[in-house]
Amino acid sequence: MRVNSNWKAQEVPRLWTAEDNVLLMLRRYWLAHTYDHRVKMQEKYGVKMTVALCIAKADSSLGRELKTTNNLGNVWNNDRWDRVHFDTIEKWIEAIFKTLTNRYQKRNNKIWELSNSWRAILWLKKCGEAWNYCYATSRDSWNNNVLNCLDSLYKTPKNENFLFRTN
């Protein structure tokens, strides 16, 4: 299990096949009613629902640590204290998929491109050609928690090169 600089990580349960595991995890967090909507959003936006689920797990423990109403992935919440609420969980689910395909993220395809975890290293290698936008500003916790969650859903280790798009 990956840990942050303080040797901590969220507990992630071990489950079965990726799709079954998504439903099982959603049941564990009382969100099973959102499964069909997640499947539709995966098809509509071309982003794996496993990644959207793991982002929500990393950001809010799937709703157990919410900063704003129905915003399980802290979509559009930022370090400047902007906060966004959603009327329904379904609206948030679509927002996370939209965010992963918006003009800032549309060229990103791998998990490492979504957070600051690898950006500092690549910044040095690219001599200033860095990315201006990422989903998460955490240096290690967010990235580790997303990858630990993906490991659990797929039952095989995933790394920062994991492709989060379906096409």
C-alpha atoms as a PDB file:
ATOM      1  CA  MET A   1       0.000   0.000   0.000  1.00  0.00           C
ATOM      2  CA  ARG A   2       1.302   3.452  -0.874  1.00  0.00           C
ATOM      3  CA  VAL A   3       1.625   5.929   1.967  1.00  0.00           C
ATOM      4  CA  ASN A   4       2.183   9.675   2.191  1.00  0.00           C
ATOM      5  CA  SER A   5       5.190  11.405   3.708  1.00  0.00           C
ATOM      6  CA  ASN A   6       3.718  10.765   7.184  1.00  0.00           C
ATOM      7  CA  TRP A   7       3.408   7.021   6.465  1.00  0.00           C
ATOM      8  CA  LYS A   8      -0.392   7.192   6.366  1.00  0.00           C
ATOM      9  CA  ALA A   9      -3.004   6.059   3.842  1.00  0.00           C
ATOM     10  CA  GLN A  10      -6.738   5.492   3.780  1.00  0.00           C
ATOM     11  CA  GLU A  11      -7.927   1.945   4.288  1.00  0.00           C
ATOM     12  CA  VAL A  12      -9.196   0.480   1.005  1.00  0.00           C
ATOM     13  CA  PRO A  13     -11.207  -2.742   1.096  1.00  0.00           C
ATOM     14  CA  ARG A  14     -10.197  -5.691  -1.146  1.00  0.00           C
ATOM     15  CA  LEU A  15     -13.029  -6.752  -3.455  1.00  0.00           C
ATOM     16  CA  TRP A  16     -13.701  -8.798  -6.712  1.00  0.00           C
ATOM     17  CA  THR A  17     -13.719  -7.761 -10.437  1.00  0.00           C
ATOM     18  CA  ALA A  18     -13.458  -4.058 -11.218  1.00  0.00           C
ATOM     19  CA  GLU A  19     -17.110  -3.524 -12.196  1.00  0.00           C
ATOM     20  CA  ASP A  20     -18.401  -5.727  -9.378  1.00  0.00           C
ATOM     21  CA  ASN A  21     -16.056  -4.009  -6.980  1.00  0.00           C
ATOM     22  CA  VAL A  22     -17.395  -0.584  -7.954  1.00  0.00           C
ATOM     23  CA  LEU A  23     -20.894  -1.732  -7.004  1.00  0.00           C
ATOM     24  CA  LEU A  24     -19.660  -3.376  -3.813  1.00  0.00           C
ATOM     25  CA  MET A  25     -17.793  -0.254  -2.765  1.00  0.00           C
ATOM     26  CA  LEU A  26     -20.828   1.895  -3.564  1.00  0.00           C
ATOM     27  CA  ARG A  27     -22.971  -0.423  -1.412  1.00  0.00           C
ATOM     28  CA  ARG A  28     -20.509  -0.131   1.438  1.00  0.00           C
ATOM     29  CA  TYR A  29     -20.880   3.653   1.335  1.00  0.00           C
ATOM     30  CA  TRP A  30     -24.656   3.641   0.774  1.00  0.00           C
ATOM     31  CA  LEU A  31     -24.302   4.844  -2.822  1.00  0.00           C
ATOM     32  CA  ALA A  32     -25.357   1.749  -4.799  1.00  0.00           C
ATOM     33  CA  HIS A  33     -28.269   3.698  -6.279  1.00  0.00           C
ATOM     34  CA  THR A  34     -25.712   5.749  -8.264  1.00  0.00           C
ATOM     35  CA  TYR A  35     -24.146   2.797 -10.126  1.00  0.00           C
ATOM     36  CA  ASP A  36     -26.308   2.996 -13.283  1.00  0.00           C
ATOM     37  CA  HIS A  37     -25.722   6.740 -13.557  1.00  0.00           C
ATOM     38  CA  ARG A  38     -21.965   6.166 -13.291  1.00  0.00           C
ATOM     39  CA  VAL A  39     -22.128   3.625 -16.115  1.00  0.00           C
ATOM     40  CA  LYS A  40     -23.975   6.185 -18.280  1.00  0.00           C
ATOM     41  CA  MET A  41     -21.424   8.884 -17.500  1.00  0.00           C
ATOM     42  CA  GLN A  42     -18.555   6.512 -18.317  1.00  0.00           C
ATOM     43  CA  GLU A  43     -20.102   5.874 -21.723  1.00  0.00           C
ATOM     44  CA  LYS A  44     -20.926   9.554 -22.312  1.00  0.00           C
ATOM     45  CA  TYR A  45     -17.547  11.026 -21.317  1.00  0.00           C
ATOM     46  CA  GLY A  46     -15.124   8.155 -21.970  1.00  0.00           C
ATOM     47  CA  VAL A  47     -13.665   8.191 -18.451  1.00  0.00           C
ATOM     48  CA  LYS A  48     -13.470   4.985 -16.408  1.00  0.00           C
ATOM     49  CA  MET A  49     -15.978   4.989 -13.590  1.00  0.00           C
ATOM     50  CA  THR A  50     -13.366   3.296 -11.411  1.00  0.00           C
ATOM     51  CA  VAL A  51     -11.250   6.448 -11.579  1.00  0.00           C
ATOM     52  CA  ALA A  52     -14.166   8.759 -10.782  1.00  0.00           C
ATOM     53  CA  LEU A  53     -15.025   6.531  -7.822  1.00  0.00           C
ATOM     54  CA  CYS A  54     -11.429   6.466  -6.564  1.00  0.00           C
ATOM     55  CA  ILE A  55     -11.154  10.234  -6.856  1.00  0.00           C
ATOM     56  CA  ALA A  56     -14.236  10.572  -4.662  1.00  0.00           C
ATOM     57  CA  LYS A  57     -12.765   8.034  -2.246  1.00  0.00           C
ATOM     58  CA  ALA A  58      -9.508   9.998  -2.050  1.00  0.00           C
ATOM     59  CA  ASP A  59     -11.198  13.395  -1.766  1.00  0.00           C
ATOM     60  CA  SER A  60     -13.983  12.738   0.721  1.00  0.00           C
ATOM     61  CA  SER A  61     -13.924   9.056   1.718  1.00  0.00           C
ATOM     62  CA  LEU A  62     -16.988   8.760  -0.544  1.00  0.00           C
ATOM     63  CA  GLY A  63     -18.966  11.356   1.333  1.00  0.00           C
ATOM     64  CA  ARG A  64     -17.807  10.653   4.872  1.00  0.00           C
ATOM     65  CA  GLU A  65     -15.714  13.834   4.934  1.00  0.00           C
ATOM     66  CA  LEU A  66     -17.600  16.324   2.789  1.00  0.00           C
ATOM     67  CA  LYS A  67     -16.657  19.970   2.528  1.00  0.00           C
ATOM     68  CA  THR A  68     -19.760  20.838   0.500  1.00  0.00           C
ATOM     69  CA  THR A  69     -23.173  19.306  -0.138  1.00  0.00           C
ATOM     70  CA  ASN A  70     -23.214  16.328  -2.521  1.00  0.00           C
ATOM     71  CA  ASN A  71     -19.684  17.101  -3.756  1.00  0.00           C
ATOM     72  CA  LEU A  72     -17.937  13.802  -3.106  1.00  0.00           C
ATOM     73  CA  GLY A  73     -14.965  14.628  -5.332  1.00  0.00           C
ATOM     74  CA  ASN A  74     -14.562  18.239  -4.240  1.00  0.00           C
ATOM     75  CA  VAL A  75     -15.207  19.278  -7.841  1.00  0.00           C
ATOM     76  CA  TRP A  76     -14.369  22.967  -8.308  1.00  0.00           C
ATOM     77  CA  ASN A  77     -13.469  23.340  -4.628  1.00  0.00           C
ATOM     78  CA  ASN A  78      -9.956  24.740  -4.498  1.00  0.00           C
ATOM     79  CA  ASP A  79      -7.140  25.982  -2.311  1.00  0.00           C
ATOM     80  CA  ARG A  80      -8.476  29.554  -2.577  1.00  0.00           C
ATOM     81  CA  TRP A  81     -11.504  28.416  -0.532  1.00  0.00           C
ATOM     82  CA  ASP A  82     -13.969  28.471  -3.436  1.00  0.00           C
ATOM     83  CA  ARG A  83     -16.685  25.960  -2.526  1.00  0.00           C
ATOM     84  CA  VAL A  84     -19.312  24.359  -4.786  1.00  0.00           C
ATOM     85  CA  HIS A  85     -22.457  22.531  -3.674  1.00  0.00           C
ATOM     86  CA  PHE A  86     -24.567  20.215  -5.841  1.00  0.00           C
ATOM     87  CA  ASP A  87     -28.311  19.674  -5.554  1.00  0.00           C
ATOM     88  CA  THR A  88     -27.949  15.908  -6.054  1.00  0.00           C
ATOM     89  CA  ILE A  89     -25.279  13.228  -6.050  1.00  0.00           C
ATOM     90  CA  GLU A  90     -26.102  12.564  -9.719  1.00  0.00           C
ATOM     91  CA  LYS A  91     -25.228  16.158 -10.638  1.00  0.00           C
ATOM     92  CA  TRP A  92     -21.896  15.758  -8.878  1.00  0.00           C
ATOM     93  CA  ILE A  93     -21.227  12.452 -10.670  1.00  0.00           C
ATOM     94  CA  GLU A  94     -21.666  14.168 -14.018  1.00  0.00           C
ATOM     95  CA  ALA A  95     -19.508  17.085 -12.821  1.00  0.00           C
ATOM     96  CA  ILE A  96     -16.563  14.791 -12.036  1.00  0.00           C
ATOM     97  CA  PHE A  97     -16.741  13.196 -15.478  1.00  0.00           C
ATOM     98  CA  LYS A  98     -17.074  16.634 -17.126  1.00  0.00           C
ATOM     99  CA  THR A  99     -14.104  17.920 -15.153  1.00  0.00           C
ATOM    100  CA  LEU A 100     -11.925  15.045 -16.303  1.00  0.00           C
ATOM    101  CA  THR A 101     -12.756  15.947 -19.916  1.00  0.00           C
ATOM    102  CA  ASN A 102     -12.793  19.760 -19.701  1.00  0.00           C
ATOM    103  CA  ARG A 103     -10.379  22.048 -21.532  1.00  0.00           C
ATOM    104  CA  TYR A 104      -7.821  21.798 -18.717  1.00  0.00           C
ATOM    105  CA  GLN A 105      -7.843  18.013 -18.418  1.00  0.00           C
ATOM    106  CA  LYS A 106      -8.731  16.863 -21.951  1.00  0.00           C
ATOM    107  CA  ARG A 107      -5.096  16.162 -22.892  1.00  0.00           C
ATOM    108  CA  ASN A 108      -4.430  14.216 -19.702  1.00  0.00           C
ATOM    109  CA  ASN A 109      -4.818  10.450 -19.924  1.00  0.00           C
ATOM    110  CA  LYS A 110      -2.798   9.059 -17.028  1.00  0.00           C
ATOM    111  CA  ILE A 111      -3.314   9.228 -13.280  1.00  0.00           C
ATOM    112  CA  TRP A 112      -0.025  11.065 -12.688  1.00  0.00           C
ATOM    113  CA  GLU A 113      -1.231  13.928 -14.867  1.00  0.00           C
ATOM    114  CA  LEU A 114      -4.078  14.662 -12.442  1.00  0.00           C
ATOM    115  CA  SER A 115      -2.034  15.604  -9.381  1.00  0.00           C
ATOM    116  CA  ASN A 116       1.150  17.296  -8.262  1.00  0.00           C
ATOM    117  CA  SER A 117       2.696  13.981  -7.278  1.00  0.00           C
ATOM    118  CA  TRP A 118       4.905  13.654 -10.373  1.00  0.00           C
ATOM    119  CA  ARG A 119       4.696  17.195 -11.691  1.00  0.00           C
ATOM    120  CA  ALA A 120       7.568  18.526  -9.591  1.00  0.00           C
ATOM    121  CA  ILE A 121       9.920  15.880 -10.986  1.00  0.00           C
ATOM    122  CA  LEU A 122       8.741  16.416 -14.544  1.00  0.00           C
ATOM    123  CA  TRP A 123       8.961  20.186 -14.172  1.00  0.00           C
ATOM    124  CA  LEU A 124      12.685  19.861 -13.654  1.00  0.00           C
ATOM    125  CA  LYS A 125      13.076  17.503 -16.601  1.00  0.00           C
ATOM    126  CA  LYS A 126      11.002  19.599 -18.991  1.00  0.00           C
ATOM    127  CA  CYS A 127      12.827  22.846 -18.172  1.00  0.00           C
ATOM    128  CA  GLY A 128       9.737  24.896 -17.591  1.00  0.00           C
ATOM    129  CA  GLU A 129       7.251  23.079 -19.809  1.00  0.00           C
ATOM    130  CA  ALA A 130       4.957  22.212 -16.924  1.00  0.00           C
ATOM    131  CA  TRP A 131       1.238  21.767 -16.766  1.00  0.00           C
ATOM    132  CA  ASN A 132      -0.741  24.686 -15.425  1.00  0.00           C
ATOM    133  CA  TYR A 133      -3.741  22.721 -14.231  1.00  0.00           C
ATOM    134  CA  CYS A 134      -4.237  19.542 -12.297  1.00  0.00           C
ATOM    135  CA  TYR A 135      -7.157  18.004 -10.492  1.00  0.00           C
ATOM    136  CA  ALA A 136      -5.494  17.665  -7.086  1.00  0.00           C
ATOM    137  CA  THR A 137      -2.788  19.827  -5.542  1.00  0.00           C
ATOM    138  CA  SER A 138      -1.684  17.266  -2.935  1.00  0.00           C
ATOM    139  CA  ARG A 139       1.951  16.167  -3.381  1.00  0.00           C
ATOM    140  CA  ASP A 140       1.425  12.528  -2.394  1.00  0.00           C
ATOM    141  CA  SER A 141      -1.667  11.634  -0.353  1.00  0.00           C
ATOM    142  CA  TRP A 142      -4.241  12.084  -3.115  1.00  0.00           C
ATOM    143  CA  ASN A 143      -2.193  10.189  -5.695  1.00  0.00           C
ATOM    144  CA  ASN A 144      -1.490   7.335  -3.271  1.00  0.00           C
ATOM    145  CA  ASN A 145      -5.113   7.078  -2.196  1.00  0.00           C
ATOM    146  CA  VAL A 146      -6.386   7.007  -5.796  1.00  0.00           C
ATOM    147  CA  LEU A 147      -3.864   4.323  -6.768  1.00  0.00           C
ATOM    148  CA  ASN A 148      -4.558   2.249  -3.637  1.00  0.00           C
ATOM    149  CA  CYS A 149      -8.254   2.386  -4.468  1.00  0.00           C
ATOM    150  CA  LEU A 150      -7.605   1.342  -8.094  1.00  0.00           C
ATOM    151  CA  ASP A 151      -5.418  -1.531  -6.854  1.00  0.00           C
ATOM    152  CA  SER A 152      -8.341  -2.694  -4.745  1.00  0.00           C
ATOM    153  CA  LEU A 153     -10.925  -2.418  -7.523  1.00  0.00           C
ATOM    154  CA  TYR A 154      -8.797  -4.177 -10.142  1.00  0.00           C
ATOM    155  CA  LYS A 155      -7.100  -6.580  -7.696  1.00  0.00           C
ATOM    156  CA  THR A 156      -3.767  -5.874  -9.374  1.00  0.00           C
ATOM    157  CA  PRO A 157      -1.296  -3.084  -8.713  1.00  0.00           C
ATOM    158  CA  LYS A 158      -1.786   0.062 -10.789  1.00  0.00           C
ATOM    159  CA  ASN A 159       0.768   2.813 -11.162  1.00  0.00           C
ATOM    160  CA  GLU A 160       0.826   6.449 -12.186  1.00  0.00           C
ATOM    161  CA  ASN A 161       0.702   5.446 -15.868  1.00  0.00           C
ATOM    162  CA  PHE A 162      -2.758   3.917 -15.468  1.00  0.00           C
ATOM    163  CA  LEU A 163      -4.932   5.219 -18.330  1.00  0.00           C
ATOM    164  CA  PHE A 164      -8.185   6.661 -17.019  1.00  0.00           C
ATOM    165  CA  ARG A 165      -9.952   7.081 -20.370  1.00  0.00           C
ATOM    166  CA  THR A 166     -11.985   4.297 -21.965  1.00  0.00           C
ATOM    167  CA  ASN A 167     -10.942   5.192 -25.506  1.00  0.00           C
END
